[in-house]
Protein backbone atom coordinates (compact mmCIF):
# COMPACT_ATOMS: atom_id res chain seq x y z
CA MET A 1 -9.07 37.89 41.05
CA PRO A 2 -10.88 34.82 39.64
CA PHE A 3 -9.18 32.95 36.83
CA PRO A 4 -11.11 33.47 33.52
CA SER A 5 -13.20 30.39 32.67
CA LYS A 6 -11.66 29.93 29.20
CA GLN A 7 -8.12 30.09 30.55
CA LYS A 8 -9.07 27.80 33.43
CA LYS A 9 -10.32 25.23 30.94
CA LEU A 10 -7.10 25.61 28.94
CA TYR A 11 -5.09 25.19 32.13
CA GLU A 12 -6.91 21.93 32.92
CA GLN A 13 -6.40 20.70 29.34
CA LEU A 14 -2.70 21.49 29.58
CA LEU A 15 -2.48 19.58 32.87
CA GLU A 16 -4.00 16.53 31.16
CA GLU A 17 -1.51 16.93 28.31
CA LEU A 18 1.43 17.05 30.75
CA GLN A 19 0.31 13.83 32.43
CA ARG A 20 0.61 11.94 29.14
CA TYR A 21 4.39 12.38 29.05
CA PRO A 22 7.25 11.65 31.46
CA ALA A 23 9.13 14.39 33.27
CA GLY A 24 11.84 15.94 31.12
CA SER A 25 9.79 15.75 27.93
CA LYS A 26 9.87 18.75 25.64
CA LEU A 27 6.56 20.44 24.85
CA PRO A 28 5.76 21.55 21.29
CA PRO A 29 6.29 25.27 20.53
CA GLU A 30 3.52 27.63 21.71
CA ARG A 31 2.41 28.10 18.10
CA ILE A 32 1.79 24.36 17.72
CA LEU A 33 0.09 24.09 21.13
CA ALA A 34 -2.20 26.98 20.25
CA GLN A 35 -3.20 25.25 17.01
CA GLN A 36 -3.74 21.99 18.90
CA PHE A 37 -6.17 23.62 21.36
CA GLY A 38 -7.74 25.94 18.78
CA VAL A 39 -6.84 29.22 20.52
CA ALA A 40 -4.61 32.23 19.96
CA ARG A 41 -1.06 32.19 21.34
CA MET A 42 -1.85 35.12 23.67
CA THR A 43 -4.79 33.16 25.13
CA LEU A 44 -2.52 30.21 25.81
CA ARG A 45 0.23 32.25 27.44
CA GLU A 46 -1.44 32.88 30.83
CA PRO A 47 -2.18 29.17 31.55
CA LEU A 48 1.43 28.38 30.58
CA ASP A 49 2.71 31.13 32.88
CA ARG A 50 0.64 29.62 35.69
CA LEU A 51 2.24 26.22 35.07
CA VAL A 52 5.66 27.88 35.30
CA ARG A 53 4.73 29.53 38.62
CA GLU A 54 3.54 26.18 39.96
CA HIS A 55 6.86 24.55 38.96
CA ARG A 56 5.18 22.15 36.56
CA ILE A 57 7.10 23.33 33.48
CA ILE A 58 10.23 25.36 32.81
CA ARG A 59 11.05 27.62 29.87
CA LYS A 60 14.58 27.45 28.51
CA ARG A 61 16.26 28.78 25.39
CA THR A 62 15.98 25.32 23.85
CA GLY A 63 12.24 24.97 24.59
CA THR A 64 9.66 24.29 27.31
CA PHE A 65 10.14 21.15 29.41
CA ILE A 66 7.99 19.20 31.88
CA LEU A 67 9.33 19.24 35.46
CA ASP A 68 9.26 16.32 37.87
CA PRO A 69 5.91 16.62 39.76
CA GLU A 70 7.50 15.54 43.06
CA SER A 71 10.73 17.55 43.06
CA GLY A 72 9.60 20.38 40.80
CA GLU A 73 12.93 20.11 39.00
CA LEU A 74 14.06 19.09 35.56
CA PRO A 75 15.33 15.47 35.58
CA SER A 76 18.94 14.78 34.74
CA ALA A 77 19.79 14.98 31.08
CA PRO A 78 18.84 11.78 29.26
CA GLN A 79 21.46 9.38 28.07
CA LYS A 80 23.26 10.20 24.89
CA ASN A 81 22.63 8.19 21.78
CA LYS A 82 18.83 8.29 21.95
CA ASN A 83 18.32 8.72 18.26
CA ILE A 84 15.68 6.59 16.55
CA HIS A 85 16.95 4.39 13.73
CA ILE A 86 14.38 3.30 11.15
CA LEU A 87 15.25 0.49 8.76
CA LEU A 88 14.52 1.01 5.06
CA PRO A 89 14.56 -1.70 2.37
CA CYS A 90 16.87 0.40 0.14
CA PRO A 91 18.00 4.02 -0.39
CA ASP A 92 15.43 4.77 -3.12
CA TYR A 93 12.56 2.95 -1.40
CA SER A 94 10.05 5.57 -2.59
CA VAL A 95 10.69 4.40 -6.16
CA SER A 96 11.74 0.76 -5.76
CA SER A 97 9.07 -0.27 -3.25
CA GLY A 98 5.41 -0.81 -4.06
CA TYR A 99 2.83 1.83 -3.12
CA PHE A 100 1.75 0.08 0.09
CA SER A 101 5.34 -0.51 1.24
CA TYR A 102 6.20 3.14 0.55
CA LEU A 103 3.11 4.29 2.47
CA VAL A 104 3.94 2.08 5.47
CA THR A 105 7.54 3.32 5.65
CA THR A 106 6.51 6.97 5.33
CA GLU A 107 3.87 6.66 8.05
CA CYS A 108 6.35 4.95 10.39
CA ILE A 109 8.85 7.75 9.88
CA ARG A 110 6.16 10.35 10.62
CA GLY A 111 5.16 8.60 13.84
CA ALA A 112 8.75 8.30 15.02
CA MET A 113 9.47 11.95 14.22
CA LYS A 114 6.47 13.03 16.27
CA ALA A 115 7.88 11.16 19.29
CA ALA A 116 11.41 12.42 18.63
CA VAL A 117 10.28 16.05 18.85
CA ARG A 118 9.09 15.44 22.40
CA TYR A 119 12.48 14.14 23.49
CA GLY A 120 14.78 16.34 21.45
CA SER A 121 15.91 13.28 19.49
CA GLN A 122 16.52 12.69 15.80
CA VAL A 123 15.27 10.09 13.34
CA ILE A 124 17.97 8.37 11.30
CA THR A 125 17.05 6.11 8.38
CA ILE A 126 19.23 3.11 7.53
CA PRO A 127 18.80 1.36 4.16
CA VAL A 128 19.67 -2.29 4.85
CA SER A 129 20.05 -3.23 1.18
CA GLN A 130 21.20 -1.38 -1.91
CA THR A 131 18.90 -3.34 -4.22
CA ASN A 132 15.71 -3.97 -2.17
CA GLU A 133 16.60 -7.68 -1.90
CA GLN A 134 16.44 -9.57 1.40
CA GLU A 135 19.26 -11.87 0.28
CA LYS A 136 21.63 -8.93 -0.25
CA ILE A 137 21.86 -7.21 3.13
CA ASP A 138 24.38 -4.38 3.37
CA TRP A 139 26.01 -5.37 6.67
CA ASN A 140 28.21 -2.27 6.60
CA GLN A 141 25.10 -0.16 7.21
CA LEU A 142 24.09 -2.28 10.20
CA SER A 143 27.56 -1.95 11.71
CA LEU A 144 26.47 1.53 12.83
CA LEU A 145 24.05 0.03 15.35
CA LYS A 146 25.35 -0.43 18.90
CA ARG A 147 24.01 -1.52 22.30
CA ASP A 148 20.94 0.43 23.49
CA ASN A 149 20.38 1.99 20.06
CA ILE A 150 16.66 2.31 19.28
CA VAL A 151 15.72 0.51 16.06
CA LEU A 152 12.25 0.52 14.47
CA PHE A 153 10.95 -1.40 11.46
CA ALA A 154 7.64 -2.52 9.95
CA GLY A 155 6.99 -5.73 8.01
CA ASP A 156 8.51 -9.20 7.91
CA TRP A 157 11.09 -8.03 5.32
CA TYR A 158 13.45 -7.30 8.26
CA LYS A 159 12.71 -10.29 10.51
CA SER A 160 15.94 -12.01 9.46
CA LEU A 161 17.85 -9.12 11.06
CA LEU A 162 16.32 -9.64 14.50
CA PRO A 163 19.01 -12.09 15.74
CA VAL A 164 21.72 -9.53 14.93
CA LEU A 165 19.83 -6.65 16.56
CA ILE A 166 19.15 -8.69 19.70
CA GLU A 167 22.75 -9.93 19.90
CA ARG A 168 23.98 -6.34 19.79
CA GLY A 169 21.60 -5.33 22.58
CA CYS A 170 19.57 -2.91 20.46
CA ARG A 171 16.20 -1.75 21.73
CA VAL A 172 13.82 -2.97 19.04
CA GLY A 173 10.34 -1.73 18.13
CA ALA A 174 8.61 -3.70 15.36
CA ILE A 175 5.31 -3.91 13.50
CA LEU A 176 4.92 -7.49 12.25
CA PRO A 177 2.24 -9.32 10.25
CA GLN A 178 2.56 -12.52 12.24
CA MET A 179 4.34 -14.08 15.20
CA GLU A 180 5.97 -17.37 14.27
CA GLU A 181 6.99 -19.88 16.95
CA ASN A 182 10.70 -19.53 16.22
CA LEU A 183 10.38 -15.76 16.52
CA GLU A 184 8.77 -16.06 19.94
CA ASP A 185 11.60 -18.38 21.00
CA LEU A 186 14.12 -15.83 19.79
CA LEU A 187 12.45 -13.01 21.71
CA GLN A 188 12.72 -14.96 24.95
CA ASN A 189 16.41 -14.05 24.95
CA ALA A 190 15.71 -10.37 24.37
CA GLU A 191 14.83 -7.77 26.98
CA ASN A 192 14.35 -4.50 25.15
CA TYR A 193 11.69 -5.01 22.51
CA LEU A 194 8.11 -3.93 21.79
CA ILE A 195 5.95 -5.36 19.01
CA PHE A 196 2.62 -4.57 17.37
CA LYS A 197 1.25 -7.55 15.48
CA ARG A 198 -1.71 -8.78 13.43
CA PRO A 199 -1.93 -11.94 11.27
CA MET A 200 -2.32 -9.65 8.26
CA LEU A 201 -1.49 -5.99 8.88
CA ALA A 202 -3.72 -4.66 6.11
CA ASN A 203 -6.79 -6.51 7.41
CA TYR A 204 -9.04 -3.72 8.65
CA LEU A 205 -12.18 -5.91 8.68
CA PRO A 206 -12.25 -6.62 12.46
CA GLU A 207 -12.71 -2.90 13.20
CA VAL A 208 -15.18 -2.39 10.32
CA LEU A 209 -17.31 -5.40 11.22
CA ALA A 210 -17.37 -4.35 14.87
CA ASP A 211 -18.49 -0.86 13.80
CA LEU A 212 -21.22 -2.35 11.58
CA LYS A 213 -22.54 -4.46 14.45
CA GLU A 214 -22.61 -1.38 16.66
CA LYS A 215 -24.65 0.45 14.00
CA GLY A 216 -27.09 -2.44 13.81
CA CYS A 217 -26.15 -3.55 10.28
CA ARG A 218 -26.79 -7.25 9.68
CA ASN A 219 -26.47 -7.73 5.91
CA PRO A 220 -23.42 -5.86 4.51
CA LEU A 221 -21.71 -6.43 1.15
CA LEU A 222 -17.94 -6.91 0.96
CA PHE A 223 -17.01 -5.87 -2.60
CA THR A 224 -13.47 -6.61 -3.82
CA ARG A 225 -11.46 -6.95 -7.02
CA LYS A 226 -9.10 -9.83 -7.74
CA ASN A 227 -5.45 -9.00 -6.99
CA PHE A 228 -6.43 -5.52 -5.73
CA SER A 229 -7.97 -6.45 -2.40
CA MET A 230 -5.97 -5.75 0.76
CA LEU A 231 -7.79 -8.64 2.43
CA PHE A 232 -6.83 -11.41 0.01
CA PRO A 233 -3.26 -10.48 -1.04
CA HIS A 234 -1.78 -13.94 -1.47
CA PRO A 235 -2.89 -16.04 -4.49
CA GLU A 236 -1.94 -19.25 -2.68
CA TRP A 237 -4.45 -18.58 0.10
CA ASN A 238 -7.60 -20.68 0.06
CA LEU A 239 -10.16 -17.96 -0.65
CA THR A 240 -13.14 -20.09 0.40
CA ASP A 241 -11.68 -20.93 3.82
CA HIS A 242 -10.52 -17.36 4.43
CA LEU A 243 -13.92 -15.94 3.48
CA GLU A 244 -15.71 -18.46 5.68
CA GLU A 245 -13.53 -17.35 8.60
CA ILE A 246 -14.49 -13.72 7.95
CA ARG A 247 -18.19 -14.59 7.77
CA LYS A 248 -18.03 -16.48 11.06
CA SER A 249 -16.56 -13.41 12.73
CA PHE A 250 -19.68 -11.44 11.71
CA SER A 251 -22.15 -14.05 12.98
CA PRO A 252 -25.12 -13.90 13.53
CA GLY A 253 -25.18 -11.31 10.74
CA LYS A 254 -24.96 -12.34 7.09
CA LEU A 255 -21.97 -11.01 5.15
CA GLN A 256 -22.46 -10.94 1.36
CA PHE A 257 -19.34 -11.17 -0.81
CA HIS A 258 -18.47 -10.35 -4.41
CA MET A 259 -15.06 -10.36 -6.12
CA CYS A 260 -14.97 -8.92 -9.63
CA ALA A 261 -12.35 -9.71 -12.28
CA GLU A 262 -8.97 -7.98 -12.17
CA GLN A 263 -9.57 -6.02 -15.39
CA THR A 264 -12.95 -4.62 -14.29
CA SER A 265 -12.90 -0.83 -14.65
CA PHE A 266 -13.97 1.46 -11.83
CA VAL A 267 -17.12 2.50 -13.71
CA GLU A 268 -18.00 -1.16 -14.24
CA GLN A 269 -17.42 -1.86 -10.55
CA CYS A 270 -19.86 0.88 -9.54
CA ALA A 271 -22.45 -0.49 -11.96
CA LYS A 272 -21.97 -3.96 -10.49
CA VAL A 273 -22.50 -2.67 -6.95
CA TRP A 274 -25.83 -1.14 -8.04
CA GLU A 275 -26.80 -4.37 -9.82
CA LEU A 276 -26.11 -6.39 -6.66
CA PHE A 277 -28.08 -3.92 -4.55
CA GLU A 278 -31.11 -4.19 -6.84
CA LYS A 279 -30.92 -7.98 -6.85
CA GLU A 280 -30.46 -8.44 -3.09
CA PRO A 281 -30.40 -5.19 -1.08
CA PHE A 282 -27.60 -4.90 1.50
CA ASP A 283 -27.59 -2.54 4.49
CA ALA A 284 -23.91 -1.46 4.23
CA LEU A 285 -21.07 -1.55 1.68
CA ILE A 286 -17.42 -2.37 2.35
CA PHE A 287 -15.70 -1.19 -0.85
CA ASP A 288 -12.35 -3.00 -0.83
CA SER A 289 -11.60 -2.67 -4.54
CA GLU A 290 -10.05 0.70 -5.34
CA SER A 291 -7.99 3.01 -3.16
CA ASN A 292 -5.83 5.14 -5.46
CA LEU A 293 -7.79 6.56 -8.42
CA GLY A 294 -5.77 9.74 -8.87
CA GLN A 295 -8.85 11.94 -8.49
CA ALA A 296 -11.66 12.41 -5.98
CA VAL A 297 -14.97 10.74 -6.85
CA ASN A 298 -18.42 10.53 -5.28
CA LEU A 299 -18.71 6.78 -4.76
CA ARG A 300 -22.27 6.89 -3.40
CA LYS A 301 -23.54 8.80 -6.44
CA LEU A 302 -21.71 6.56 -8.92
CA CYS A 303 -23.15 3.44 -7.26
CA ASN A 304 -26.60 5.07 -6.97
CA LEU A 305 -26.89 4.01 -3.33
CA PRO A 306 -29.24 5.53 -0.69
CA GLU A 307 -27.86 8.37 1.44
CA ASP A 308 -28.49 6.53 4.70
CA LEU A 309 -26.56 3.39 3.66
CA PRO A 310 -23.16 3.18 5.43
CA ILE A 311 -20.18 2.88 3.05
CA TYR A 312 -16.65 1.96 4.18
CA VAL A 313 -13.66 2.77 1.98
CA ARG A 314 -9.87 2.52 2.37
CA GLY A 315 -8.91 5.21 -0.16
CA ARG A 316 -9.26 8.97 0.26
CA ASP A 317 -9.97 9.37 -3.45
CA LEU A 318 -13.37 7.82 -2.70
CA LEU A 319 -14.31 10.65 -0.32
CA GLY A 320 -15.21 13.16 -3.05
CA GLY A 321 -18.56 14.87 -3.52
CA SER A 322 -20.55 17.22 -1.29
CA THR A 323 -20.66 17.28 2.49
CA ASP A 324 -24.08 15.60 2.35
CA SER A 325 -22.69 12.78 0.20
CA ARG A 326 -20.08 12.08 2.89
CA LYS A 327 -22.70 11.42 5.54
CA ASN A 328 -22.64 7.73 6.45
CA LEU A 329 -19.32 7.43 4.57
CA TYR A 330 -16.42 6.02 6.59
CA TYR A 331 -12.70 5.87 5.94
CA SER A 332 -10.54 3.05 7.33
CA ARG A 333 -6.85 3.75 7.91
CA SER A 334 -4.04 1.53 9.15
CA GLY A 335 -2.38 2.84 12.30
CA PHE A 336 1.26 2.60 11.22
CA MET A 337 1.94 6.19 12.26
CA GLU A 338 0.27 5.78 15.67
CA CYS A 339 1.93 2.44 16.39
CA SER A 340 5.35 3.74 15.32
CA HIS A 341 4.85 6.76 17.56
CA ASP A 342 3.93 4.55 20.52
CA LEU A 343 6.95 2.30 19.95
CA ALA A 344 9.36 5.23 19.66
CA GLU A 345 7.92 7.05 22.66
CA GLN A 346 8.07 4.04 24.98
CA LEU A 347 11.63 3.22 23.95
CA LEU A 348 12.73 6.85 24.30
CA SER A 349 11.16 7.15 27.75
CA GLY A 350 13.25 4.26 29.04
CA GLU A 351 10.21 2.80 30.80
CA VAL A 352 9.98 -1.00 30.87
CA SER A 353 6.61 -2.14 29.54
CA GLU A 354 5.12 -5.32 30.97
CA GLN A 355 3.15 -5.87 27.76
CA LYS A 356 5.80 -6.52 25.12
CA ILE A 357 3.42 -7.61 22.35
CA SER A 358 0.23 -5.69 21.46
CA ASP A 359 -2.38 -5.85 18.71
CA PHE A 360 -1.85 -3.66 15.66
CA LYS A 361 -4.36 -0.81 15.33
CA HIS A 362 -6.75 0.35 12.61
CA PHE A 363 -8.85 3.50 12.82
CA ILE A 364 -12.22 4.43 11.33
CA TYR A 365 -13.04 8.08 10.59
CA ASP A 366 -16.24 9.66 9.35
CA GLY A 367 -15.95 10.75 5.72
CA GLU A 368 -16.12 14.49 6.34
CA SER A 369 -13.31 14.47 8.93
CA ALA A 370 -11.13 12.29 6.70
CA TRP A 371 -11.81 14.54 3.70
CA LYS A 372 -10.89 17.73 5.56
CA ASP A 373 -7.72 16.11 6.88
CA ASN A 374 -6.83 15.13 3.32
CA GLN A 375 -7.09 18.75 2.16
CA ILE A 376 -4.60 20.12 4.71
């Protein structure tokens, strides 16, 4: 009897999914898998049964696991103590930290939890300070960490702890804004570490500018607000030099730039964008000013910009309006969750990666997809 085409396609998709993970990994529950592939659980059951018959997976009371493709058996139980430890700045970080710091920590926890589900592990958070001060580390909390413990953190707040973690033989996964020479020297003495880096983690411009070039845009406007931009966070930075570096990266295109005053209201910002467009039309807008308005707004309508003009935003509150208004609207998101997931998964798998240091990721979504995801 021929295998139904829909179930055959599902079977092939499941095979691809199995190849992404090492033998012994735990699959998500059938309900989650069905949602992932957009089918009913009953539709999914026959392809899963086929995988069981072929000794590719095994069902147990504790879940469904991937078998070794060569032996057709479940690998030996993984080592104990494979929990993922995530460092927090303080116990009440959601209140004491700034919005961006809170968002980064939350996304890292989500990514680690996603990996932990696959391996039957747990995520344990460790506040390294009681007061959110780097000078007041609570060493009693760090005494819990032993050799081969998996430790994740994001940001240079925790870099001073690296010598201790390395000395104890912890397996470290980090997301860092820069790689200083002394840090590279320190890592030469470490074996178990993985790092995602970028000179400035919040800088999503490389991905946006590359996307603009691909779309054929040659004259975009980068619109920011003083002390609110994610691209110019440090007052001591030389703005002129930094901007010139950004413009060179977009060559041979011409990148326009405008930074409004800190106290400029959102309505005034939109009016200014329209004024700049009338004075010297641009073919795309990178709106780097507002990200957290507290309500959804139709940025294109408020700025009175053409429907075919690409607009890039970094806040989901700027995705409001109709479906038509979200055409040519793009949302840029930092990949803290994805990078944290990759770090946790590689460290949990026990595989030794040749590439210890990788570039931090940013992702660009079309406005409609980002809006729907925001409503879930």
